[in-house]
N, C-alpha and C. Protein backbone atom coordinates (compact mmCIF):
# COMPACT_ATOMS: atom_id res chain seq x y z
N MET A 1 244.47 -147.89 -62.21
CA MET A 1 243.89 -148.19 -63.49
C MET A 1 244.17 -147.01 -64.46
N LYS A 2 244.55 -147.34 -65.66
CA LYS A 2 244.87 -146.31 -66.64
C LYS A 2 243.67 -146.07 -67.55
N PHE A 3 243.32 -144.78 -67.75
CA PHE A 3 242.18 -144.42 -68.58
C PHE A 3 242.66 -143.93 -69.94
N LYS A 4 241.91 -144.27 -70.96
CA LYS A 4 242.20 -143.75 -72.30
C LYS A 4 241.48 -142.42 -72.46
N THR A 5 242.17 -141.46 -73.01
CA THR A 5 241.54 -140.17 -73.23
C THR A 5 241.41 -139.92 -74.72
N ASN A 6 240.34 -139.30 -75.10
CA ASN A 6 240.11 -138.95 -76.50
C ASN A 6 240.49 -137.51 -76.79
N ARG A 7 240.97 -136.81 -75.78
CA ARG A 7 241.33 -135.40 -75.96
C ARG A 7 242.79 -135.29 -76.39
N ILE A 8 243.01 -134.46 -77.41
CA ILE A 8 244.36 -134.21 -77.89
C ILE A 8 244.63 -132.72 -77.85
N LYS A 9 245.89 -132.35 -77.69
CA LYS A 9 246.29 -130.94 -77.66
C LYS A 9 246.50 -130.47 -79.09
N ILE A 10 245.99 -129.26 -79.38
CA ILE A 10 246.12 -128.70 -80.72
C ILE A 10 246.59 -127.26 -80.65
N ILE A 11 247.05 -126.74 -81.78
CA ILE A 11 247.47 -125.34 -81.90
C ILE A 11 246.58 -124.67 -82.93
N LEU A 12 246.02 -123.51 -82.56
CA LEU A 12 245.21 -122.72 -83.48
C LEU A 12 246.04 -121.54 -83.96
N GLU A 13 246.04 -121.32 -85.26
CA GLU A 13 246.84 -120.24 -85.85
C GLU A 13 245.94 -119.34 -86.69
N CYS A 14 246.22 -118.04 -86.65
CA CYS A 14 245.41 -117.06 -87.36
C CYS A 14 245.57 -117.21 -88.87
N LEU A 15 244.45 -117.21 -89.58
CA LEU A 15 244.48 -117.33 -91.04
C LEU A 15 244.68 -115.98 -91.72
N GLU A 16 244.10 -114.93 -91.18
CA GLU A 16 244.21 -113.60 -91.80
C GLU A 16 245.61 -113.04 -91.69
N GLN A 17 246.25 -113.28 -90.60
CA GLN A 17 247.57 -112.70 -90.38
C GLN A 17 248.66 -113.39 -91.20
N GLN A 18 248.42 -114.60 -91.66
CA GLN A 18 249.40 -115.30 -92.50
C GLN A 18 249.63 -114.55 -93.80
N THR A 19 248.59 -113.93 -94.33
CA THR A 19 248.73 -113.21 -95.59
C THR A 19 249.24 -111.79 -95.39
N ILE A 20 248.96 -111.18 -94.22
CA ILE A 20 249.33 -109.78 -93.98
C ILE A 20 250.75 -109.66 -93.43
N VAL A 21 250.99 -110.23 -92.25
CA VAL A 21 252.27 -110.10 -91.55
C VAL A 21 252.84 -111.50 -91.32
N ARG A 22 254.05 -111.72 -91.70
CA ARG A 22 254.64 -113.05 -91.58
C ARG A 22 255.49 -113.22 -90.33
N ASN A 23 256.01 -112.15 -89.74
CA ASN A 23 256.98 -112.29 -88.66
C ASN A 23 256.36 -112.61 -87.30
N CYS A 24 255.15 -112.19 -87.02
CA CYS A 24 254.53 -112.49 -85.72
C CYS A 24 253.10 -112.99 -85.96
N ILE A 25 252.86 -114.24 -85.63
CA ILE A 25 251.57 -114.88 -85.89
C ILE A 25 250.92 -115.23 -84.57
N SER A 26 249.63 -114.93 -84.47
CA SER A 26 248.87 -115.23 -83.27
C SER A 26 248.56 -116.72 -83.20
N ARG A 27 248.88 -117.34 -82.06
CA ARG A 27 248.63 -118.76 -81.85
C ARG A 27 247.98 -118.99 -80.50
N TYR A 28 247.07 -119.94 -80.45
CA TYR A 28 246.42 -120.37 -79.22
C TYR A 28 246.59 -121.87 -79.07
N PHE A 29 246.75 -122.33 -77.83
CA PHE A 29 246.87 -123.75 -77.54
C PHE A 29 245.61 -124.18 -76.81
N THR A 30 245.01 -125.28 -77.27
CA THR A 30 243.78 -125.77 -76.66
C THR A 30 243.72 -127.28 -76.87
N SER A 31 242.61 -127.89 -76.46
CA SER A 31 242.44 -129.33 -76.67
C SER A 31 241.07 -129.59 -77.29
N LYS A 32 240.97 -130.73 -77.97
CA LYS A 32 239.69 -131.10 -78.56
C LYS A 32 239.49 -132.59 -78.42
N ASN A 33 238.25 -133.01 -78.50
CA ASN A 33 237.91 -134.41 -78.46
C ASN A 33 237.96 -134.94 -79.90
N LYS A 34 238.92 -135.80 -80.20
CA LYS A 34 239.10 -136.24 -81.59
C LYS A 34 238.01 -137.20 -82.04
N ARG A 35 237.29 -137.80 -81.12
CA ARG A 35 236.19 -138.68 -81.51
C ARG A 35 234.96 -137.89 -81.95
N ASN A 36 234.71 -136.76 -81.32
CA ASN A 36 233.55 -135.94 -81.67
C ASN A 36 233.83 -135.00 -82.84
N THR A 37 235.03 -134.43 -82.89
CA THR A 37 235.41 -133.49 -83.95
C THR A 37 236.65 -134.01 -84.65
N SER A 38 236.44 -134.79 -85.66
CA SER A 38 237.57 -135.38 -86.38
C SER A 38 238.17 -134.41 -87.41
N SER A 39 237.36 -133.45 -87.86
CA SER A 39 237.87 -132.48 -88.84
C SER A 39 238.68 -131.38 -88.13
N LYS A 40 239.33 -130.54 -88.92
CA LYS A 40 240.14 -129.46 -88.36
C LYS A 40 239.23 -128.41 -87.72
N LEU A 41 239.61 -127.95 -86.57
CA LEU A 41 238.82 -127.01 -85.79
C LEU A 41 239.07 -125.58 -86.25
N LYS A 42 238.00 -124.79 -86.38
CA LYS A 42 238.10 -123.37 -86.72
C LYS A 42 237.33 -122.57 -85.69
N LEU A 43 238.00 -121.61 -85.06
CA LEU A 43 237.37 -120.77 -84.03
C LEU A 43 237.71 -119.31 -84.27
N ARG A 44 236.80 -118.44 -83.84
CA ARG A 44 237.07 -117.01 -83.89
C ARG A 44 237.67 -116.59 -82.56
N LYS A 45 238.91 -116.11 -82.61
CA LYS A 45 239.64 -115.71 -81.41
C LYS A 45 240.20 -114.30 -81.61
N PHE A 46 240.57 -113.67 -80.49
CA PHE A 46 241.14 -112.33 -80.55
C PHE A 46 242.61 -112.41 -80.98
N ASN A 47 242.97 -111.56 -81.93
CA ASN A 47 244.35 -111.47 -82.40
C ASN A 47 244.95 -110.18 -81.83
N PRO A 48 245.92 -110.27 -80.92
CA PRO A 48 246.48 -109.06 -80.31
C PRO A 48 247.32 -108.22 -81.26
N PHE A 49 247.85 -108.81 -82.32
CA PHE A 49 248.66 -108.04 -83.27
C PHE A 49 247.79 -107.20 -84.20
N LEU A 50 246.64 -107.74 -84.62
CA LEU A 50 245.71 -106.99 -85.47
C LEU A 50 244.67 -106.23 -84.65
N LYS A 51 244.57 -106.53 -83.37
CA LYS A 51 243.64 -105.89 -82.43
C LYS A 51 242.18 -106.06 -82.84
N ARG A 52 241.84 -107.27 -83.25
CA ARG A 52 240.45 -107.61 -83.59
C ARG A 52 240.27 -109.12 -83.54
N VAL A 53 239.03 -109.56 -83.65
CA VAL A 53 238.70 -110.97 -83.64
C VAL A 53 238.86 -111.52 -85.06
N THR A 54 239.62 -112.61 -85.19
CA THR A 54 239.87 -113.21 -86.50
C THR A 54 239.65 -114.71 -86.43
N LEU A 55 239.65 -115.34 -87.59
CA LEU A 55 239.45 -116.79 -87.68
C LEU A 55 240.79 -117.50 -87.46
N HIS A 56 240.77 -118.47 -86.54
CA HIS A 56 241.96 -119.28 -86.24
C HIS A 56 241.64 -120.73 -86.59
N GLN A 57 242.61 -121.40 -87.23
CA GLN A 57 242.41 -122.78 -87.66
C GLN A 57 243.49 -123.67 -87.07
N GLU A 58 243.12 -124.91 -86.86
CA GLU A 58 244.05 -125.90 -86.32
C GLU A 58 245.16 -126.20 -87.33
N ILE A 59 246.41 -126.28 -86.83
CA ILE A 59 247.52 -126.62 -87.72
C ILE A 59 248.05 -128.01 -87.39
């Protein structure tokens, strides 16, 4: 039997680093439930290039 899943794979990209450095951007891959969170996801994640926690948004 085949099950329908509501989870989709998404990419989170740093918002602060887009304005500062263009050549290397911090990205995270994760999944979300599109039925519960239909809007774009925003999470605070660690950015290894800036060496601090920054805001990452779904692209």
